[in-house]
């Protein structure tokens, strides 16, 4: 089964790029196509930018680019619900390391789907 995983990344993106802890503030999204556990095509999509209240823009961007799943270290409730509505799974776990580390953790079953208790509150509630 083929799946495209999006990982918020620091510039320039790619497997060796550092992950960005919060999807709304990342430089780029690295998209990694997986066919079972085999890594296929890797592409990089520029983040459209994040302004207060504009947290759903990355949801549409990733949906348009074929993402089926997202690995994040932080996300607000509004975008989380947006990803759910688009059928995109959201995993908790891109706190640090590289995109390759995040993908490896997913493949090894170390990441959990994010729950409501893990969403950002207060200052980052819209991110």
PDB file of N, CA and C in Angstrom:
ATOM      1  N   UNK A   1       0.841  -1.180   0.000  1.00  0.00           N
ATOM      2  CA  UNK A   1       0.000   0.000   0.000  1.00  0.00           C
ATOM      3  C   UNK A   1       0.887   1.246   0.000  1.00  0.00           C
ATOM      4  N   UNK A   2       0.609   2.168  -0.882  1.00  0.00           N
ATOM      5  CA  UNK A   2       1.381   3.397  -1.001  1.00  0.00           C
ATOM      6  C   UNK A   2       0.771   4.497  -0.134  1.00  0.00           C
ATOM      7  N   UNK A   3       1.648   5.269   0.485  1.00  0.00           N
ATOM      8  CA  UNK A   3       1.211   6.347   1.364  1.00  0.00           C
ATOM      9  C   UNK A   3       2.214   7.486   1.241  1.00  0.00           C
ATOM     10  N   UNK A   4       1.734   8.722   1.305  1.00  0.00           N
ATOM     11  CA  UNK A   4       2.622   9.884   1.278  1.00  0.00           C
ATOM     12  C   UNK A   4       2.587  10.555   2.644  1.00  0.00           C
ATOM     13  N   UNK A   5       3.762  10.635   3.270  1.00  0.00           N
ATOM     14  CA  UNK A   5       3.906  11.196   4.607  1.00  0.00           C
ATOM     15  C   UNK A   5       4.506  12.591   4.499  1.00  0.00           C
ATOM     16  N   UNK A   6       3.887  13.569   5.145  1.00  0.00           N
ATOM     17  CA  UNK A   6       4.413  14.933   5.189  1.00  0.00           C
ATOM     18  C   UNK A   6       5.093  15.153   6.542  1.00  0.00           C
ATOM     19  N   UNK A   7       6.287  15.759   6.481  1.00  0.00           N
ATOM     20  CA  UNK A   7       7.019  16.072   7.703  1.00  0.00           C
ATOM     21  C   UNK A   7       7.426  17.544   7.652  1.00  0.00           C
ATOM     22  N   UNK A   8       6.964  18.369   8.617  1.00  0.00           N
ATOM     23  CA  UNK A   8       7.403  19.761   8.675  1.00  0.00           C
ATOM     24  C   UNK A   8       8.915  19.795   8.856  1.00  0.00           C
ATOM     25  N   UNK A   9       9.587  20.547   8.001  1.00  0.00           N
ATOM     26  CA  UNK A   9      11.047  20.509   7.942  1.00  0.00           C
ATOM     27  C   UNK A   9      11.652  21.902   7.871  1.00  0.00           C
ATOM     28  N   UNK A  10      12.931  21.947   8.215  1.00  0.00           N
ATOM     29  CA  UNK A  10      13.695  23.174   8.052  1.00  0.00           C
ATOM     30  C   UNK A  10      14.269  23.187   6.634  1.00  0.00           C
ATOM     31  N   UNK A  11      14.518  24.377   6.115  1.00  0.00           N
ATOM     32  CA  UNK A  11      15.076  24.556   4.771  1.00  0.00           C
ATOM     33  C   UNK A  11      16.395  23.798   4.677  1.00  0.00           C
ATOM     34  N   UNK A  12      16.680  23.082   3.625  1.00  0.00           N
ATOM     35  CA  UNK A  12      15.995  23.022   2.338  1.00  0.00           C
ATOM     36  C   UNK A  12      15.018  21.858   2.219  1.00  0.00           C
ATOM     37  N   UNK A  13      14.796  21.097   3.278  1.00  0.00           N
ATOM     38  CA  UNK A  13      13.933  19.930   3.205  1.00  0.00           C
ATOM     39  C   UNK A  13      14.710  18.706   2.747  1.00  0.00           C
ATOM     40  N   UNK A  14      14.019  17.575   2.655  1.00  0.00           N
ATOM     41  CA  UNK A  14      14.655  16.320   2.269  1.00  0.00           C
ATOM     42  C   UNK A  14      14.856  15.418   3.479  1.00  0.00           C
ATOM     43  N   UNK A  15      15.309  14.212   3.236  1.00  0.00           N
ATOM     44  CA  UNK A  15      15.462  13.233   4.313  1.00  0.00           C
ATOM     45  C   UNK A  15      16.436  13.661   5.399  1.00  0.00           C
ATOM     46  N   UNK A  16      17.479  14.404   5.033  1.00  0.00           N
ATOM     47  CA  UNK A  16      18.479  14.820   6.011  1.00  0.00           C
ATOM     48  C   UNK A  16      18.166  16.140   6.697  1.00  0.00           C
ATOM     49  N   UNK A  17      17.053  16.753   6.329  1.00  0.00           N
ATOM     50  CA  UNK A  17      16.673  18.035   6.937  1.00  0.00           C
ATOM     51  C   UNK A  17      16.225  17.824   8.378  1.00  0.00           C
ATOM     52  N   UNK A  18      16.442  18.811   9.209  1.00  0.00           N
ATOM     53  CA  UNK A  18      15.949  18.787  10.581  1.00  0.00           C
ATOM     54  C   UNK A  18      14.435  18.965  10.542  1.00  0.00           C
ATOM     55  N   UNK A  19      13.759  18.278  11.444  1.00  0.00           N
ATOM     56  CA  UNK A  19      12.319  18.466  11.526  1.00  0.00           C
ATOM     57  C   UNK A  19      12.031  19.789  12.220  1.00  0.00           C
ATOM     58  N   UNK A  20      10.867  20.331  11.923  1.00  0.00           N
ATOM     59  CA  UNK A  20      10.397  21.538  12.587  1.00  0.00           C
ATOM     60  C   UNK A  20       9.361  21.097  13.604  1.00  0.00           C
ATOM     61  N   UNK A  21       9.496  21.557  14.824  1.00  0.00           N
ATOM     62  CA  UNK A  21       8.639  21.099  15.905  1.00  0.00           C
ATOM     63  C   UNK A  21       7.171  21.432  15.749  1.00  0.00           C
ATOM     64  N   UNK A  22       6.842  22.418  14.952  1.00  0.00           N
ATOM     65  CA  UNK A  22       5.443  22.837  14.831  1.00  0.00           C
ATOM     66  C   UNK A  22       5.114  23.094  13.375  1.00  0.00           C
ATOM     67  N   UNK A  23       4.123  22.405  12.869  1.00  0.00           N
ATOM     68  CA  UNK A  23       3.873  22.420  11.430  1.00  0.00           C
ATOM     69  C   UNK A  23       3.598  23.803  10.877  1.00  0.00           C
ATOM     70  N   UNK A  24       2.906  24.661  11.608  1.00  0.00           N
ATOM     71  CA  UNK A  24       2.540  25.974  11.095  1.00  0.00           C
ATOM     72  C   UNK A  24       3.706  26.924  10.949  1.00  0.00           C
ATOM     73  N   UNK A  25       4.830  26.605  11.591  1.00  0.00           N
ATOM     74  CA  UNK A  25       5.984  27.500  11.566  1.00  0.00           C
ATOM     75  C   UNK A  25       7.169  26.918  10.811  1.00  0.00           C
ATOM     76  N   UNK A  26       6.962  25.812  10.092  1.00  0.00           N
ATOM     77  CA  UNK A  26       8.069  25.185   9.375  1.00  0.00           C
ATOM     78  C   UNK A  26       8.417  25.979   8.116  1.00  0.00           C
ATOM     79  N   UNK A  27       9.646  25.754   7.635  1.00  0.00           N
ATOM     80  CA  UNK A  27      10.078  26.373   6.374  1.00  0.00           C
ATOM     81  C   UNK A  27       9.413  25.682   5.185  1.00  0.00           C
ATOM     82  N   UNK A  28       9.480  24.346   5.199  1.00  0.00           N
ATOM     83  CA  UNK A  28       8.979  23.529   4.095  1.00  0.00           C
ATOM     84  C   UNK A  28       8.358  22.257   4.662  1.00  0.00           C
ATOM     85  N   UNK A  29       7.667  21.536   3.804  1.00  0.00           N
ATOM     86  CA  UNK A  29       7.185  20.191   4.122  1.00  0.00           C
ATOM     87  C   UNK A  29       7.942  19.224   3.229  1.00  0.00           C
ATOM     88  N   UNK A  30       8.547  18.214   3.831  1.00  0.00           N
ATOM     89  CA  UNK A  30       9.156  17.150   3.045  1.00  0.00           C
ATOM     90  C   UNK A  30       8.104  16.055   2.903  1.00  0.00           C
ATOM     91  N   UNK A  31       7.809  15.676   1.675  1.00  0.00           N
ATOM     92  CA  UNK A  31       6.827  14.627   1.386  1.00  0.00           C
ATOM     93  C   UNK A  31       7.585  13.367   0.989  1.00  0.00           C
ATOM     94  N   UNK A  32       7.303  12.292   1.711  1.00  0.00           N
ATOM     95  CA  UNK A  32       7.994  11.027   1.487  1.00  0.00           C
ATOM     96  C   UNK A  32       6.965   9.979   1.093  1.00  0.00           C
ATOM     97  N   UNK A  33       7.111   9.437  -0.109  1.00  0.00           N
ATOM     98  CA  UNK A  33       6.218   8.372  -0.549  1.00  0.00           C
ATOM     99  C   UNK A  33       6.742   7.045  -0.018  1.00  0.00           C
ATOM    100  N   UNK A  34       5.850   6.300   0.619  1.00  0.00           N
ATOM    101  CA  UNK A  34       6.191   4.982   1.137  1.00  0.00           C
ATOM    102  C   UNK A  34       5.370   3.936   0.414  1.00  0.00           C
ATOM    103  N   UNK A  35       6.018   2.881  -0.019  1.00  0.00           N
ATOM    104  CA  UNK A  35       5.335   1.712  -0.560  1.00  0.00           C
ATOM    105  C   UNK A  35       5.651   0.595   0.421  1.00  0.00           C
ATOM    106  N   UNK A  36       4.703   0.338   1.318  1.00  0.00           N
ATOM    107  CA  UNK A  36       4.930  -0.492   2.495  1.00  0.00           C
ATOM    108  C   UNK A  36       6.046   0.159   3.300  1.00  0.00           C
ATOM    109  N   UNK A  37       7.219  -0.442   3.391  1.00  0.00           N
ATOM    110  CA  UNK A  37       8.297   0.189   4.156  1.00  0.00           C
ATOM    111  C   UNK A  37       9.410   0.718   3.261  1.00  0.00           C
ATOM    112  N   UNK A  38       9.194   0.702   1.946  1.00  0.00           N
ATOM    113  CA  UNK A  38      10.195   1.194   1.009  1.00  0.00           C
ATOM    114  C   UNK A  38       9.963   2.671   0.703  1.00  0.00           C
ATOM    115  N   UNK A  39      11.028   3.457   0.831  1.00  0.00           N
ATOM    116  CA  UNK A  39      10.946   4.889   0.531  1.00  0.00           C
ATOM    117  C   UNK A  39      11.046   5.081  -0.973  1.00  0.00           C
ATOM    118  N   UNK A  40      10.087   5.818  -1.500  1.00  0.00           N
ATOM    119  CA  UNK A  40      10.060   6.123  -2.929  1.00  0.00           C
ATOM    120  C   UNK A  40      10.423   7.572  -3.170  1.00  0.00           C
ATOM    121  N   UNK A  41       9.587   8.256  -3.925  1.00  0.00           N
ATOM    122  CA  UNK A  41       9.825   9.646  -4.293  1.00  0.00           C
ATOM    123  C   UNK A  41       9.821  10.556  -3.064  1.00  0.00           C
ATOM    124  N   UNK A  42      10.739  11.506  -3.068  1.00  0.00           N
ATOM    125  CA  UNK A  42      10.815  12.515  -2.006  1.00  0.00           C
ATOM    126  C   UNK A  42      10.691  13.869  -2.680  1.00  0.00           C
ATOM    127  N   UNK A  43       9.767  14.694  -2.185  1.00  0.00           N
ATOM    128  CA  UNK A  43       9.596  16.029  -2.731  1.00  0.00           C
ATOM    129  C   UNK A  43       9.497  17.034  -1.585  1.00  0.00           C
ATOM    130  N   UNK A  44       9.687  18.292  -1.924  1.00  0.00           N
ATOM    131  CA  UNK A  44       9.653  19.358  -0.929  1.00  0.00           C
ATOM    132  C   UNK A  44       8.659  20.412  -1.391  1.00  0.00           C
ATOM    133  N   UNK A  45       7.779  20.818  -0.474  1.00  0.00           N
ATOM    134  CA  UNK A  45       6.762  21.826  -0.764  1.00  0.00           C
ATOM    135  C   UNK A  45       6.974  22.995   0.195  1.00  0.00           C
ATOM    136  N   UNK A  46       7.058  24.185  -0.352  1.00  0.00           N
ATOM    137  CA  UNK A  46       7.238  25.393   0.458  1.00  0.00           C
ATOM    138  C   UNK A  46       5.992  25.639   1.303  1.00  0.00           C
ATOM    139  N   UNK A  47       6.188  25.916   2.591  1.00  0.00           N
ATOM    140  CA  UNK A  47       5.068  26.285   3.454  1.00  0.00           C
ATOM    141  C   UNK A  47       4.560  27.646   2.999  1.00  0.00           C
ATOM    142  N   UNK A  48       3.265  27.773   2.896  1.00  0.00           N
ATOM    143  CA  UNK A  48       2.665  29.014   2.415  1.00  0.00           C
ATOM    144  C   UNK A  48       2.792  30.161   3.406  1.00  0.00           C
ATOM    145  N   UNK A  49       3.310  29.887   4.589  1.00  0.00           N
ATOM    146  CA  UNK A  49       3.398  30.925   5.606  1.00  0.00           C
ATOM    147  C   UNK A  49       2.237  30.788   6.566  1.00  0.00           C
ATOM    148  N   UNK A  50       2.424  31.355   7.723  1.00  0.00           N
ATOM    149  CA  UNK A  50       1.407  31.172   8.751  1.00  0.00           C
ATOM    150  C   UNK A  50       1.098  32.507   9.392  1.00  0.00           C
ATOM    151  N   UNK A  51      -0.121  32.923   9.237  1.00  0.00           N
ATOM    152  CA  UNK A  51      -0.594  34.130   9.897  1.00  0.00           C
ATOM    153  C   UNK A  51      -1.690  33.728  10.855  1.00  0.00           C
ATOM    154  N   UNK A  52      -1.908  34.519  11.863  1.00  0.00           N
ATOM    155  CA  UNK A  52      -2.935  34.211  12.847  1.00  0.00           C
ATOM    156  C   UNK A  52      -4.269  33.969  12.138  1.00  0.00           C
ATOM    157  N   UNK A  53      -4.887  32.839  12.443  1.00  0.00           N
ATOM    158  CA  UNK A  53      -6.160  32.507  11.835  1.00  0.00           C
ATOM    159  C   UNK A  53      -6.046  31.803  10.494  1.00  0.00           C
ATOM    160  N   UNK A  54      -4.831  31.717   9.937  1.00  0.00           N
ATOM    161  CA  UNK A  54      -4.638  31.082   8.636  1.00  0.00           C
ATOM    162  C   UNK A  54      -4.119  29.667   8.736  1.00  0.00           C
ATOM    163  N   UNK A  55      -4.423  29.012   9.839  1.00  0.00           N
ATOM    164  CA  UNK A  55      -3.833  27.697  10.110  1.00  0.00           C
ATOM    165  C   UNK A  55      -4.382  26.575   9.237  1.00  0.00           C
ATOM    166  N   UNK A  56      -5.429  26.826   8.483  1.00  0.00           N
ATOM    167  CA  UNK A  56      -5.961  25.777   7.627  1.00  0.00           C
ATOM    168  C   UNK A  56      -5.321  25.772   6.237  1.00  0.00           C
ATOM    169  N   UNK A  57      -4.538  26.809   5.911  1.00  0.00           N
ATOM    170  CA  UNK A  57      -3.871  26.855   4.608  1.00  0.00           C
ATOM    171  C   UNK A  57      -2.943  25.654   4.397  1.00  0.00           C
ATOM    172  N   UNK A  58      -2.114  25.269   5.389  1.00  0.00           N
ATOM    173  CA  UNK A  58      -1.271  24.091   5.179  1.00  0.00           C
ATOM    174  C   UNK A  58      -2.074  22.799   5.023  1.00  0.00           C
ATOM    175  N   UNK A  59      -3.250  22.740   5.605  1.00  0.00           N
ATOM    176  CA  UNK A  59      -4.102  21.553   5.470  1.00  0.00           C
ATOM    177  C   UNK A  59      -4.437  21.355   3.993  1.00  0.00           C
ATOM    178  N   UNK A  60      -4.922  22.410   3.354  1.00  0.00           N
ATOM    179  CA  UNK A  60      -5.246  22.338   1.929  1.00  0.00           C
ATOM    180  C   UNK A  60      -4.023  22.080   1.066  1.00  0.00           C
ATOM    181  N   UNK A  61      -2.908  22.729   1.397  1.00  0.00           N
ATOM    182  CA  UNK A  61      -1.665  22.563   0.645  1.00  0.00           C
ATOM    183  C   UNK A  61      -1.215  21.097   0.658  1.00  0.00           C
ATOM    184  N   UNK A  62      -1.215  20.487   1.842  1.00  0.00           N
ATOM    185  CA  UNK A  62      -0.764  19.100   1.937  1.00  0.00           C
ATOM    186  C   UNK A  62      -1.752  18.141   1.272  1.00  0.00           C
ATOM    187  N   UNK A  63      -3.048  18.435   1.392  1.00  0.00           N
ATOM    188  CA  UNK A  63      -4.060  17.616   0.719  1.00  0.00           C
ATOM    189  C   UNK A  63      -3.867  17.676  -0.805  1.00  0.00           C
ATOM    190  N   UNK A  64      -3.640  18.880  -1.342  1.00  0.00           N
ATOM    191  CA  UNK A  64      -3.431  19.055  -2.782  1.00  0.00           C
ATOM    192  C   UNK A  64      -2.189  18.334  -3.273  1.00  0.00           C
ATOM    193  N   UNK A  65      -1.206  18.159  -2.381  1.00  0.00           N
ATOM    194  CA  UNK A  65       0.039  17.498  -2.754  1.00  0.00           C
ATOM    195  C   UNK A  65       0.037  16.014  -2.414  1.00  0.00           C
ATOM    196  N   UNK A  66      -1.138  15.462  -2.099  1.00  0.00           N
ATOM    197  CA  UNK A  66      -1.293  14.035  -1.954  1.00  0.00           C
ATOM    198  C   UNK A  66      -0.897  13.420  -0.632  1.00  0.00           C
ATOM    199  N   UNK A  67      -0.732  14.238   0.417  1.00  0.00           N
ATOM    200  CA  UNK A  67      -0.355  13.679   1.715  1.00  0.00           C
ATOM    201  C   UNK A  67      -1.491  12.850   2.303  1.00  0.00           C
ATOM    202  N   UNK A  68      -1.141  11.689   2.835  1.00  0.00           N
ATOM    203  CA  UNK A  68      -2.088  10.816   3.532  1.00  0.00           C
ATOM    204  C   UNK A  68      -1.883  10.866   5.037  1.00  0.00           C
ATOM    205  N   UNK A  69      -0.686  11.319   5.447  1.00  0.00           N
ATOM    206  CA  UNK A  69      -0.345  11.369   6.867  1.00  0.00           C
ATOM    207  C   UNK A  69       0.631  12.507   7.110  1.00  0.00           C
ATOM    208  N   UNK A  70       0.673  12.954   8.358  1.00  0.00           N
ATOM    209  CA  UNK A  70       1.531  14.053   8.783  1.00  0.00           C
ATOM    210  C   UNK A  70       2.150  13.651  10.117  1.00  0.00           C
ATOM    211  N   UNK A  71       3.441  13.946  10.277  1.00  0.00           N
ATOM    212  CA  UNK A  71       4.118  13.711  11.552  1.00  0.00           C
ATOM    213  C   UNK A  71       4.471  15.081  12.125  1.00  0.00           C
ATOM    214  N   UNK A  72       3.968  15.386  13.322  1.00  0.00           N
ATOM    215  CA  UNK A  72       4.182  16.703  13.919  1.00  0.00           C
ATOM    216  C   UNK A  72       4.665  16.600  15.367  1.00  0.00           C
ATOM    217  N   UNK A  73       5.262  17.689  15.823  1.00  0.00           N
ATOM    218  CA  UNK A  73       5.609  17.821  17.226  1.00  0.00           C
ATOM    219  C   UNK A  73       4.622  18.711  17.948  1.00  0.00           C
ATOM    220  N   UNK A  74       3.844  19.472  17.199  1.00  0.00           N
ATOM    221  CA  UNK A  74       2.842  20.349  17.781  1.00  0.00           C
ATOM    222  C   UNK A  74       1.839  20.780  16.735  1.00  0.00           C
ATOM    223  N   UNK A  75       0.586  20.901  17.174  1.00  0.00           N
ATOM    224  CA  UNK A  75      -0.491  21.301  16.266  1.00  0.00           C
ATOM    225  C   UNK A  75      -1.665  21.789  17.113  1.00  0.00           C
ATOM    226  N   UNK A  76      -2.421  22.721  16.593  1.00  0.00           N
ATOM    227  CA  UNK A  76      -3.620  23.212  17.268  1.00  0.00           C
ATOM    228  C   UNK A  76      -4.849  22.410  16.876  1.00  0.00           C
ATOM    229  N   UNK A  77      -5.935  22.625  17.596  1.00  0.00           N
ATOM    230  CA  UNK A  77      -7.155  21.854  17.378  1.00  0.00           C
ATOM    231  C   UNK A  77      -7.775  22.118  16.005  1.00  0.00           C
ATOM    232  N   UNK A  78      -7.822  23.387  15.554  1.00  0.00           N
ATOM    233  CA  UNK A  78      -8.443  23.691  14.257  1.00  0.00           C
ATOM    234  C   UNK A  78      -7.767  22.957  13.107  1.00  0.00           C
ATOM    235  N   UNK A  79      -6.443  23.048  12.970  1.00  0.00           N
ATOM    236  CA  UNK A  79      -5.832  22.316  11.863  1.00  0.00           C
ATOM    237  C   UNK A  79      -5.929  20.804  12.039  1.00  0.00           C
ATOM    238  N   UNK A  80      -5.866  20.317  13.276  1.00  0.00           N
ATOM    239  CA  UNK A  80      -6.013  18.873  13.495  1.00  0.00           C
ATOM    240  C   UNK A  80      -7.359  18.398  12.963  1.00  0.00           C
ATOM    241  N   UNK A  81      -8.423  19.142  13.270  1.00  0.00           N
ATOM    242  CA  UNK A  81      -9.749  18.786  12.762  1.00  0.00           C
ATOM    243  C   UNK A  81      -9.795  18.890  11.237  1.00  0.00           C
ATOM    244  N   UNK A  82      -9.110  19.896  10.682  1.00  0.00           N
ATOM    245  CA  UNK A  82      -9.044  20.039   9.222  1.00  0.00           C
ATOM    246  C   UNK A  82      -8.381  18.841   8.564  1.00  0.00           C
ATOM    247  N   UNK A  83      -7.277  18.375   9.154  1.00  0.00           N
ATOM    248  CA  UNK A  83      -6.614  17.185   8.611  1.00  0.00           C
ATOM    249  C   UNK A  83      -7.527  15.970   8.705  1.00  0.00           C
ATOM    250  N   UNK A  84      -8.220  15.826   9.824  1.00  0.00           N
ATOM    251  CA  UNK A  84      -9.147  14.703   9.974  1.00  0.00           C
ATOM    252  C   UNK A  84     -10.236  14.754   8.909  1.00  0.00           C
ATOM    253  N   UNK A  85     -10.767  15.953   8.628  1.00  0.00           N
ATOM    254  CA  UNK A  85     -11.821  16.094   7.615  1.00  0.00           C
ATOM    255  C   UNK A  85     -11.312  15.728   6.220  1.00  0.00           C
ATOM    256  N   UNK A  86     -10.021  15.946   5.977  1.00  0.00           N
ATOM    257  CA  UNK A  86      -9.422  15.616   4.678  1.00  0.00           C
ATOM    258  C   UNK A  86      -8.970  14.152   4.612  1.00  0.00           C
ATOM    259  N   UNK A  87      -9.116  13.421   5.714  1.00  0.00           N
ATOM    260  CA  UNK A  87      -8.696  12.026   5.741  1.00  0.00           C
ATOM    261  C   UNK A  87      -7.204  11.834   5.909  1.00  0.00           C
ATOM    262  N   UNK A  88      -6.536  12.847   6.444  1.00  0.00           N
ATOM    263  CA  UNK A  88      -5.085  12.787   6.658  1.00  0.00           C
ATOM    264  C   UNK A  88      -4.820  12.439   8.120  1.00  0.00           C
ATOM    265  N   UNK A  89      -4.102  11.330   8.341  1.00  0.00           N
ATOM    266  CA  UNK A  89      -3.743  10.916   9.697  1.00  0.00           C
ATOM    267  C   UNK A  89      -2.669  11.843  10.241  1.00  0.00           C
ATOM    268  N   UNK A  90      -2.720  12.152  11.546  1.00  0.00           N
ATOM    269  CA  UNK A  90      -1.725  13.029  12.164  1.00  0.00           C
ATOM    270  C   UNK A  90      -1.068  12.265  13.308  1.00  0.00           C
ATOM    271  N   UNK A  91       0.247  12.078  13.177  1.00  0.00           N
ATOM    272  CA  UNK A  91       1.036  11.361  14.177  1.00  0.00           C
ATOM    273  C   UNK A  91       1.845  12.337  15.010  1.00  0.00           C
ATOM    274  N   UNK A  92       1.974  12.040  16.286  1.00  0.00           N
ATOM    275  CA  UNK A  92       2.747  12.856  17.219  1.00  0.00           C
ATOM    276  C   UNK A  92       4.153  12.290  17.301  1.00  0.00           C
ATOM    277  N   UNK A  93       5.165  13.158  17.028  1.00  0.00           N
ATOM    278  CA  UNK A  93       6.504  12.645  17.185  1.00  0.00           C
ATOM    279  C   UNK A  93       7.626  13.320  16.456  1.00  0.00           C
ATOM    280  N   UNK A  94       7.429  14.445  15.814  1.00  0.00           N
ATOM    281  CA  UNK A  94       8.531  15.082  15.089  1.00  0.00           C
ATOM    282  C   UNK A  94       9.175  16.177  15.927  1.00  0.00           C
ATOM    283  N   UNK A  95       9.472  15.875  17.177  1.00  0.00           N
ATOM    284  CA  UNK A  95      10.033  16.885  18.081  1.00  0.00           C
ATOM    285  C   UNK A  95      11.447  17.297  17.700  1.00  0.00           C
ATOM    286  N   UNK A  96      12.268  16.342  17.303  1.00  0.00           N
ATOM    287  CA  UNK A  96      13.653  16.659  16.968  1.00  0.00           C
ATOM    288  C   UNK A  96      14.189  15.588  16.044  1.00  0.00           C
ATOM    289  N   UNK A  97      15.381  15.803  15.562  1.00  0.00           N
ATOM    290  CA  UNK A  97      15.982  14.845  14.643  1.00  0.00           C
ATOM    291  C   UNK A  97      15.752  15.255  13.204  1.00  0.00           C
ATOM    292  N   UNK A  98      15.922  14.296  12.337  1.00  0.00           N
ATOM    293  CA  UNK A  98      15.786  14.547  10.906  1.00  0.00           C
ATOM    294  C   UNK A  98      14.474  13.962  10.384  1.00  0.00           C
ATOM    295  N   UNK A  99      14.157  14.304   9.159  1.00  0.00           N
ATOM    296  CA  UNK A  99      12.990  13.731   8.508  1.00  0.00           C
ATOM    297  C   UNK A  99      13.142  12.212   8.440  1.00  0.00           C
ATOM    298  N   UNK A 100      14.355  11.742   8.118  1.00  0.00           N
ATOM    299  CA  UNK A 100      14.604  10.298   8.054  1.00  0.00           C
ATOM    300  C   UNK A 100      14.324   9.643   9.401  1.00  0.00           C
ATOM    301  N   UNK A 101      14.706  10.306  10.507  1.00  0.00           N
ATOM    302  CA  UNK A 101      14.433   9.765  11.850  1.00  0.00           C
ATOM    303  C   UNK A 101      12.930   9.643  12.086  1.00  0.00           C
ATOM    304  N   UNK A 102      12.179  10.660  11.679  1.00  0.00           N
ATOM    305  CA  UNK A 102      10.726  10.652  11.874  1.00  0.00           C
ATOM    306  C   UNK A 102      10.078   9.531  11.067  1.00  0.00           C
ATOM    307  N   UNK A 103      10.509   9.359   9.821  1.00  0.00           N
ATOM    308  CA  UNK A 103       9.965   8.295   8.974  1.00  0.00           C
ATOM    309  C   UNK A 103      10.316   6.930   9.566  1.00  0.00           C
ATOM    310  N   UNK A 104      11.544   6.782  10.031  1.00  0.00           N
ATOM    311  CA  UNK A 104      11.970   5.526  10.648  1.00  0.00           C
ATOM    312  C   UNK A 104      11.114   5.207  11.878  1.00  0.00           C
ATOM    313  N   UNK A 105      10.852   6.212  12.705  1.00  0.00           N
ATOM    314  CA  UNK A 105      10.013   6.001  13.892  1.00  0.00           C
ATOM    315  C   UNK A 105       8.613   5.565  13.504  1.00  0.00           C
ATOM    316  N   UNK A 106       8.069   6.151  12.442  1.00  0.00           N
ATOM    317  CA  UNK A 106       6.748   5.755  11.969  1.00  0.00           C
ATOM    318  C   UNK A 106       6.756   4.305  11.495  1.00  0.00           C
ATOM    319  N   UNK A 107       7.758   3.961  10.687  1.00  0.00           N
ATOM    320  CA  UNK A 107       7.842   2.607  10.149  1.00  0.00           C
ATOM    321  C   UNK A 107       8.031   1.557  11.246  1.00  0.00           C
ATOM    322  N   UNK A 108       8.689   1.937  12.334  1.00  0.00           N
ATOM    323  CA  UNK A 108       8.929   1.007  13.445  1.00  0.00           C
ATOM    324  C   UNK A 108       7.757   0.965  14.435  1.00  0.00           C
ATOM    325  N   UNK A 109       6.697   1.724  14.130  1.00  0.00           N
ATOM    326  CA  UNK A 109       5.519   1.709  14.992  1.00  0.00           C
ATOM    327  C   UNK A 109       5.682   2.462  16.294  1.00  0.00           C
ATOM    328  N   UNK A 110       6.609   3.397  16.329  1.00  0.00           N
ATOM    329  CA  UNK A 110       6.894   4.147  17.556  1.00  0.00           C
ATOM    330  C   UNK A 110       6.047   5.410  17.707  1.00  0.00           C
ATOM    331  N   UNK A 111       5.314   5.775  16.672  1.00  0.00           N
ATOM    332  CA  UNK A 111       4.517   6.997  16.720  1.00  0.00           C
ATOM    333  C   UNK A 111       3.044   6.656  16.894  1.00  0.00           C
ATOM    334  N   UNK A 112       2.367   7.477  17.674  1.00  0.00           N
ATOM    335  CA  UNK A 112       0.938   7.307  17.922  1.00  0.00           C
ATOM    336  C   UNK A 112       0.167   8.407  17.192  1.00  0.00           C
ATOM    337  N   UNK A 113      -1.058   8.086  16.813  1.00  0.00           N
ATOM    338  CA  UNK A 113      -1.930   9.138  16.283  1.00  0.00           C
ATOM    339  C   UNK A 113      -2.130  10.171  17.381  1.00  0.00           C
ATOM    340  N   UNK A 114      -2.102  11.437  17.014  1.00  0.00           N
ATOM    341  CA  UNK A 114      -2.214  12.507  18.008  1.00  0.00           C
ATOM    342  C   UNK A 114      -3.638  12.551  18.563  1.00  0.00           C
ATOM    343  N   UNK A 115      -3.725  12.777  19.859  1.00  0.00           N
ATOM    344  CA  UNK A 115      -5.018  12.881  20.518  1.00  0.00           C
ATOM    345  C   UNK A 115      -5.305  14.311  20.926  1.00  0.00           C
ATOM    346  N   UNK A 116      -6.546  14.569  21.292  1.00  0.00           N
ATOM    347  CA  UNK A 116      -6.948  15.925  21.683  1.00  0.00           C
ATOM    348  C   UNK A 116      -6.104  16.459  22.837  1.00  0.00           C
ATOM    349  N   UNK A 117      -5.635  15.575  23.712  1.00  0.00           N
ATOM    350  CA  UNK A 117      -4.846  16.013  24.872  1.00  0.00           C
ATOM    351  C   UNK A 117      -3.446  16.482  24.480  1.00  0.00           C
ATOM    352  N   UNK A 118      -3.036  16.221  23.250  1.00  0.00           N
ATOM    353  CA  UNK A 118      -1.698  16.615  22.803  1.00  0.00           C
ATOM    354  C   UNK A 118      -1.691  17.877  21.954  1.00  0.00           C
ATOM    355  N   UNK A 119      -2.853  18.463  21.717  1.00  0.00           N
ATOM    356  CA  UNK A 119      -2.897  19.679  20.912  1.00  0.00           C
ATOM    357  C   UNK A 119      -2.375  20.863  21.713  1.00  0.00           C
ATOM    358  N   UNK A 120      -1.820  21.821  20.980  1.00  0.00           N
ATOM    359  CA  UNK A 120      -1.321  23.036  21.615  1.00  0.00           C
ATOM    360  C   UNK A 120      -2.486  23.827  22.202  1.00  0.00           C
ATOM    361  N   UNK A 121      -2.231  24.450  23.302  1.00  0.00           N
ATOM    362  CA  UNK A 121      -3.237  25.304  23.964  1.00  0.00           C
ATOM    363  C   UNK A 121      -2.662  26.712  24.073  1.00  0.00           C
ATOM    364  N   UNK A 122      -3.520  27.664  24.372  1.00  0.00           N
ATOM    365  CA  UNK A 122      -3.059  29.026  24.640  1.00  0.00           C
ATOM    366  C   UNK A 122      -2.461  29.681  23.425  1.00  0.00           C
ATOM    367  N   UNK A 123      -1.180  30.044  23.502  1.00  0.00           N
ATOM    368  CA  UNK A 123      -0.515  30.821  22.469  1.00  0.00           C
ATOM    369  C   UNK A 123      -0.443  30.159  21.115  1.00  0.00           C
ATOM    370  N   UNK A 124      -0.517  28.851  21.061  1.00  0.00           N
ATOM    371  CA  UNK A 124      -0.407  28.211  19.746  1.00  0.00           C
ATOM    372  C   UNK A 124      -1.675  27.487  19.360  1.00  0.00           C
ATOM    373  N   UNK A 125      -2.796  27.878  19.913  1.00  0.00           N
ATOM    374  CA  UNK A 125      -4.045  27.147  19.662  1.00  0.00           C
ATOM    375  C   UNK A 125      -4.500  27.186  18.212  1.00  0.00           C
ATOM    376  N   UNK A 126      -4.039  28.163  17.441  1.00  0.00           N
ATOM    377  CA  UNK A 126      -4.452  28.232  16.030  1.00  0.00           C
ATOM    378  C   UNK A 126      -3.426  27.677  15.082  1.00  0.00           C
ATOM    379  N   UNK A 127      -2.324  27.164  15.543  1.00  0.00           N
ATOM    380  CA  UNK A 127      -1.244  26.741  14.645  1.00  0.00           C
ATOM    381  C   UNK A 127      -1.442  25.352  14.138  1.00  0.00           C
TER     382      UNK A 127
END
